[in-house]
Amino acid sequence: MNSLIEQVKTEIAYRGYSERTANSYCEHLRKLSHYFNKSLDLITDDELNAFFKAPAIRKLSRASQKLQINSIWFLFKNILHRPLNLDIALPKAKSRAPTYVSRDDIRRIIESCNDMRLQTLIMVCYGCGLRLGELLRIKVKDIDGQRKTILIAHGKGDKSRYVVVSDSVLNQLRCYWKIYRPTDWMFYSRWLMNKPMSTSSFRKSLIKQAQSCGITQCSPHVLRHAYATHQLESGMPLHQLQHQLGHSDIRTTQGYLHWLPELGHRGIDLLANWAKQ
């Protein structure tokens, strides 16, 4: 590996960033070095500005471009100790309403599932509102049946938290454990027990299961959105939901009230009874 990229990886680990961030940054920097066919420390600001104005880069999503910029910024600031002067216009952020899946839809997906492993994954993902990476990295030791909690040891931003687990999910986990007998990773790979299940395996299986129920849009993240909206509908306080979801900023959690105004105060009918007066 390029020595500069090795330094980036070491510095990221030292700062406590997630492994996913480290891999993304290093991969982008590796591609950048290959694109210019020279060492990263020899690339100029003008070359970088030209790179980001290329049609192939400009057509990428805002998130993809920001990830590339962040990896370069990290390299220049923390490894090269050089100022970085970029003149880049990012595409406007698109705001999309999350896909809404009803509780009846979730019930149909779960009840029609004949695979205990997949059924348990769906129930834990939806029942706890977990991100995909958090779900698949649960270890047996992280589950506390007495306290009814699961430790999410490496959430987004490498932050840890405890999430509350309902009795239904705990009972499902106990049934799953009796059949599969996991010792380390709760949802281990079908090929290696010492490796967690791959993200693509669960995602593809979930989509296929949902489609068999006539539900065309379903993913692990949709299950997480469903958890959030259904808990708010049931009266969970916003600050509690924020902790359960692992949001650093309460405004992210408040977004569900923006997309689903029926969850908030509906207001009063200011025009009611006018006809009677």
Protein backbone atom coordinates (compact mmCIF):
# COMPACT_ATOMS: atom_id res chain seq x y z
CA MET A 1 0.00 0.00 0.00
CA ASN A 2 1.15 3.56 -0.71
CA SER A 3 2.99 4.91 2.35
CA LEU A 4 0.83 8.06 2.44
CA ILE A 5 -2.33 5.97 2.40
CA GLU A 6 -0.88 3.82 5.19
CA GLN A 7 -0.35 7.01 7.19
CA VAL A 8 -3.95 8.05 6.53
CA LYS A 9 -5.23 4.69 7.74
CA THR A 10 -3.09 4.88 10.89
CA GLU A 11 -4.18 8.45 11.65
CA ILE A 12 -7.86 7.58 11.14
CA ALA A 13 -7.55 4.65 13.55
CA TYR A 14 -5.80 6.88 16.09
CA ARG A 15 -8.63 9.43 15.90
CA GLY A 16 -11.24 6.74 16.50
CA TYR A 17 -13.02 6.96 13.16
CA SER A 18 -14.95 3.90 12.04
CA GLU A 19 -13.38 1.15 9.96
CA ARG A 20 -15.86 1.95 7.20
CA THR A 21 -14.62 5.55 7.05
CA ALA A 22 -11.00 4.37 6.94
CA ASN A 23 -11.71 1.98 4.07
CA SER A 24 -13.67 4.60 2.11
CA TYR A 25 -11.02 7.30 2.49
CA CYS A 26 -8.15 4.97 1.56
CA GLU A 27 -10.00 3.58 -1.45
CA HIS A 28 -10.73 7.07 -2.81
CA LEU A 29 -7.13 8.17 -2.29
CA ARG A 30 -5.85 5.03 -4.00
CA LYS A 31 -8.06 5.72 -7.03
CA LEU A 32 -6.94 9.36 -7.07
CA SER A 33 -3.26 8.39 -7.12
CA HIS A 34 -3.96 5.92 -9.94
CA TYR A 35 -5.92 8.56 -11.89
CA PHE A 36 -3.04 11.06 -11.84
CA ASN A 37 -0.42 8.31 -12.03
CA LYS A 38 1.75 9.95 -9.40
CA SER A 39 2.24 10.24 -5.66
CA LEU A 40 -0.54 12.02 -3.79
CA ASP A 41 1.82 14.64 -2.39
CA LEU A 42 2.67 15.77 -5.93
CA ILE A 43 -0.92 16.52 -6.93
CA THR A 44 -1.64 20.26 -7.11
CA ASP A 45 -4.76 22.21 -6.21
CA ASP A 46 -5.30 23.09 -9.88
CA GLU A 47 -5.22 19.42 -10.83
CA LEU A 48 -7.72 18.59 -8.11
CA ASN A 49 -10.06 21.39 -9.23
CA ALA A 50 -9.88 20.09 -12.79
CA PHE A 51 -10.54 16.56 -11.53
CA PHE A 52 -13.76 17.59 -9.77
CA LYS A 53 -14.95 19.50 -12.84
CA ALA A 54 -14.65 16.43 -15.06
CA PRO A 55 -18.06 15.19 -16.34
CA ALA A 56 -17.54 11.71 -14.88
CA ILE A 57 -17.11 13.19 -11.38
CA ARG A 58 -19.79 15.89 -11.64
CA LYS A 59 -22.45 13.31 -12.42
CA LEU A 60 -21.77 11.53 -9.11
CA SER A 61 -24.12 12.13 -6.19
CA ARG A 62 -23.46 14.89 -3.71
CA ALA A 63 -22.62 12.32 -1.02
CA SER A 64 -20.06 10.58 -3.24
CA GLN A 65 -18.35 13.85 -4.13
CA LYS A 66 -18.30 14.96 -0.49
CA LEU A 67 -16.70 11.67 0.52
CA GLN A 68 -13.93 12.18 -2.03
CA ILE A 69 -13.37 15.78 -0.89
CA ASN A 70 -13.27 14.73 2.77
CA SER A 71 -10.67 12.06 2.08
CA ILE A 72 -8.46 14.58 0.25
CA TRP A 73 -8.98 17.20 2.95
CA PHE A 74 -7.97 14.67 5.62
CA LEU A 75 -4.80 13.80 3.72
CA PHE A 76 -3.74 17.41 3.17
CA LYS A 77 -4.54 18.63 6.69
CA ASN A 78 -3.37 15.72 8.84
CA ILE A 79 -0.65 14.01 6.78
CA LEU A 80 0.79 16.51 4.28
CA HIS A 81 0.14 19.54 6.53
CA ARG A 82 -0.58 21.66 3.47
CA PRO A 83 -3.42 24.11 2.81
CA LEU A 84 -6.03 22.90 0.34
CA ASN A 85 -7.69 25.42 -1.97
CA LEU A 86 -10.53 23.82 -3.84
CA ASP A 87 -13.09 25.68 -5.94
CA ILE A 88 -15.88 23.12 -6.20
CA ALA A 89 -19.63 23.58 -6.62
CA LEU A 90 -21.45 20.56 -5.23
CA PRO A 91 -24.91 19.63 -6.52
CA LYS A 92 -27.78 20.78 -4.34
CA ALA A 93 -28.76 18.27 -1.67
CA LYS A 94 -31.95 16.44 -2.59
CA SER A 95 -34.48 16.00 0.18
CA ARG A 96 -36.56 12.86 -0.21
CA ALA A 97 -39.34 11.65 2.03
CA PRO A 98 -38.58 8.21 3.51
CA THR A 99 -40.52 5.23 2.18
CA TYR A 100 -43.46 4.55 4.48
CA VAL A 101 -44.22 0.92 5.31
CA SER A 102 -47.22 0.19 7.52
CA ARG A 103 -47.25 -2.08 10.56
CA ASP A 104 -49.48 -4.48 8.65
CA ASP A 105 -46.86 -4.65 5.86
CA ILE A 106 -44.15 -5.46 8.40
CA ARG A 107 -46.33 -8.13 9.99
CA ARG A 108 -46.98 -9.76 6.61
CA ILE A 109 -43.26 -9.86 5.81
CA ILE A 110 -42.40 -11.43 9.16
CA GLU A 111 -45.27 -13.92 9.32
CA SER A 112 -44.72 -15.16 5.76
CA CYS A 113 -41.02 -15.81 6.38
CA ASN A 114 -40.19 -19.51 6.74
CA ASP A 115 -36.47 -18.95 7.32
CA MET A 116 -35.81 -18.54 11.07
CA ARG A 117 -32.53 -16.74 10.42
CA LEU A 118 -34.06 -14.18 8.03
CA GLN A 119 -37.13 -13.76 10.22
CA THR A 120 -34.96 -13.00 13.25
CA LEU A 121 -32.85 -10.49 11.30
CA ILE A 122 -36.00 -8.66 10.16
CA MET A 123 -37.49 -8.64 13.66
CA VAL A 124 -34.31 -7.30 15.30
CA CYS A 125 -33.72 -4.69 12.57
CA TYR A 126 -37.30 -3.41 12.75
CA GLY A 127 -37.90 -4.07 16.44
CA CYS A 128 -34.83 -2.07 17.53
CA GLY A 129 -34.50 0.43 14.66
CA LEU A 130 -30.92 -0.56 13.88
CA ARG A 131 -28.70 0.41 10.99
CA LEU A 132 -27.64 -2.49 8.78
CA GLY A 133 -24.03 -2.45 9.98
CA GLU A 134 -25.16 -2.33 13.61
CA LEU A 135 -27.48 -5.27 13.14
CA LEU A 136 -24.92 -7.57 11.56
CA ARG A 137 -22.20 -6.74 14.09
CA ILE A 138 -24.19 -7.78 17.16
CA LYS A 139 -22.31 -10.30 19.27
CA VAL A 140 -23.86 -12.84 21.64
CA LYS A 141 -22.22 -11.13 24.61
CA ASP A 142 -23.85 -7.79 23.64
CA ILE A 143 -27.36 -9.07 24.41
CA ASP A 144 -28.54 -8.67 28.02
CA GLY A 145 -31.79 -10.55 28.47
CA GLN A 146 -32.29 -9.40 32.07
CA ARG A 147 -31.87 -5.71 31.32
CA LYS A 148 -33.59 -6.16 27.94
CA THR A 149 -30.88 -4.28 26.08
CA ILE A 150 -28.40 -4.78 23.25
CA LEU A 151 -25.04 -3.04 23.25
CA ILE A 152 -24.33 -1.44 19.89
CA ALA A 153 -20.56 -1.41 20.28
CA HIS A 154 -19.57 0.33 17.06
CA GLY A 155 -22.40 2.45 15.73
CA LYS A 156 -22.13 5.32 13.28
CA GLY A 157 -19.05 7.38 14.00
CA ASP A 158 -17.76 4.46 16.08
CA LYS A 159 -20.08 5.53 18.93
CA SER A 160 -21.50 2.96 21.33
CA ARG A 161 -24.96 2.90 22.91
CA TYR A 162 -27.48 0.54 24.50
CA VAL A 163 -30.81 0.02 22.75
CA VAL A 164 -33.97 -1.29 24.39
CA VAL A 165 -35.21 -4.69 23.19
CA SER A 166 -38.86 -5.70 23.40
CA ASP A 167 -39.99 -9.06 24.79
CA SER A 168 -41.07 -10.19 21.32
CA VAL A 169 -37.60 -9.61 19.90
CA LEU A 170 -35.89 -11.23 22.91
CA ASN A 171 -38.06 -14.33 22.60
CA GLN A 172 -37.24 -14.55 18.90
CA LEU A 173 -33.52 -14.23 19.66
CA ARG A 174 -33.75 -17.05 22.21
CA CYS A 175 -35.45 -19.33 19.65
CA TYR A 176 -32.83 -18.40 17.07
CA TRP A 177 -29.97 -19.14 19.47
CA LYS A 178 -31.34 -22.61 20.30
CA ILE A 179 -31.26 -23.52 16.59
CA TYR A 180 -28.10 -21.80 15.35
CA ARG A 181 -26.02 -21.79 18.57
CA PRO A 182 -23.89 -18.70 17.78
CA THR A 183 -20.88 -18.24 20.04
CA ASP A 184 -19.44 -14.90 18.87
CA TRP A 185 -21.25 -13.10 16.04
CA MET A 186 -25.00 -13.45 16.53
CA PHE A 187 -25.59 -13.47 12.77
CA TYR A 188 -22.49 -15.20 11.47
CA SER A 189 -21.63 -15.93 7.85
CA ARG A 190 -23.01 -19.16 6.41
CA TRP A 191 -19.46 -20.07 5.48
CA LEU A 192 -17.43 -18.91 8.49
CA MET A 193 -18.76 -18.68 12.04
CA ASN A 194 -15.99 -16.25 12.99
CA LYS A 195 -17.18 -13.70 10.40
CA PRO A 196 -20.39 -11.63 10.46
CA MET A 197 -23.00 -12.09 7.74
CA SER A 198 -22.43 -9.88 4.69
CA THR A 199 -24.66 -6.85 4.18
CA SER A 200 -25.63 -7.93 0.66
CA SER A 201 -26.88 -11.33 1.87
CA PHE A 202 -29.43 -9.82 4.23
CA ARG A 203 -30.40 -6.97 1.91
CA LYS A 204 -31.12 -9.30 -1.03
CA SER A 205 -33.02 -11.81 1.12
CA LEU A 206 -35.16 -9.05 2.65
CA ILE A 207 -36.04 -7.52 -0.70
CA LYS A 208 -37.00 -10.94 -2.08
CA GLN A 209 -39.15 -11.70 0.97
CA ALA A 210 -40.91 -8.33 0.79
CA GLN A 211 -41.59 -8.71 -2.92
CA SER A 212 -43.19 -12.10 -2.28
CA CYS A 213 -45.70 -10.19 -0.10
CA GLY A 214 -46.34 -7.62 -2.82
CA ILE A 215 -44.23 -4.93 -1.13
CA THR A 216 -41.98 -3.44 -3.80
CA GLN A 217 -39.91 -1.03 -1.70
CA CYS A 218 -38.23 -2.54 1.33
CA SER A 219 -34.65 -2.49 2.61
CA PRO A 220 -32.93 -2.58 6.01
CA HIS A 221 -33.02 1.22 6.08
CA VAL A 222 -36.75 1.20 5.30
CA LEU A 223 -37.24 -1.06 8.34
CA ARG A 224 -35.35 1.50 10.43
CA HIS A 225 -37.57 4.30 9.11
CA ALA A 226 -40.63 2.16 9.85
CA TYR A 227 -39.47 1.64 13.43
CA ALA A 228 -39.05 5.39 13.93
CA THR A 229 -42.42 6.38 12.46
CA HIS A 230 -44.34 3.59 14.20
CA GLN A 231 -42.77 4.42 17.59
CA LEU A 232 -43.64 8.10 17.16
CA GLU A 233 -47.17 7.12 16.21
CA SER A 234 -47.31 5.10 19.43
CA GLY A 235 -46.18 8.06 21.52
CA MET A 236 -42.45 7.48 22.11
CA PRO A 237 -40.82 10.76 23.25
CA LEU A 238 -38.57 12.32 20.64
CA HIS A 239 -35.46 12.36 22.86
CA GLN A 240 -35.88 8.65 23.62
CA LEU A 241 -36.22 7.84 19.93
CA GLN A 242 -33.09 9.92 19.25
CA HIS A 243 -31.08 7.72 21.62
CA GLN A 244 -32.55 4.49 20.29
CA LEU A 245 -31.68 5.45 16.70
CA GLY A 246 -28.24 6.75 17.65
CA HIS A 247 -28.75 10.24 16.21
CA SER A 248 -26.14 12.76 17.37
CA ASP A 249 -28.42 15.69 16.56
CA ILE A 250 -32.06 15.86 17.68
CA ARG A 251 -32.85 17.68 14.42
CA THR A 252 -32.23 14.46 12.51
CA THR A 253 -34.89 12.73 14.60
CA GLN A 254 -37.23 15.71 14.23
CA GLY A 255 -37.09 15.11 10.48
CA TYR A 256 -39.68 12.36 10.93
CA LEU A 257 -42.14 14.97 12.17
CA HIS A 258 -41.37 17.03 9.06
CA TRP A 259 -42.01 14.15 6.68
CA LEU A 260 -45.02 12.86 8.62
CA PRO A 261 -46.89 15.91 9.89
CA GLU A 262 -49.73 13.73 11.17
CA LEU A 263 -47.39 12.63 13.97
CA GLY A 264 -47.23 16.13 15.41
CA HIS A 265 -49.93 18.51 16.59
CA ARG A 266 -52.54 18.70 13.85
CA GLY A 267 -53.57 22.20 14.81
CA ILE A 268 -57.14 23.35 15.23
CA ASP A 269 -59.64 23.97 12.48
CA LEU A 270 -59.69 27.77 12.40
CA LEU A 271 -62.63 27.75 9.99
CA ALA A 272 -64.81 25.33 11.97
CA ASN A 273 -68.36 26.40 12.78
CA TRP A 274 -68.15 29.60 10.72
CA ALA A 275 -71.19 28.55 8.71
CA LYS A 276 -73.23 28.23 11.90
CA GLN A 277 -72.51 31.76 13.11
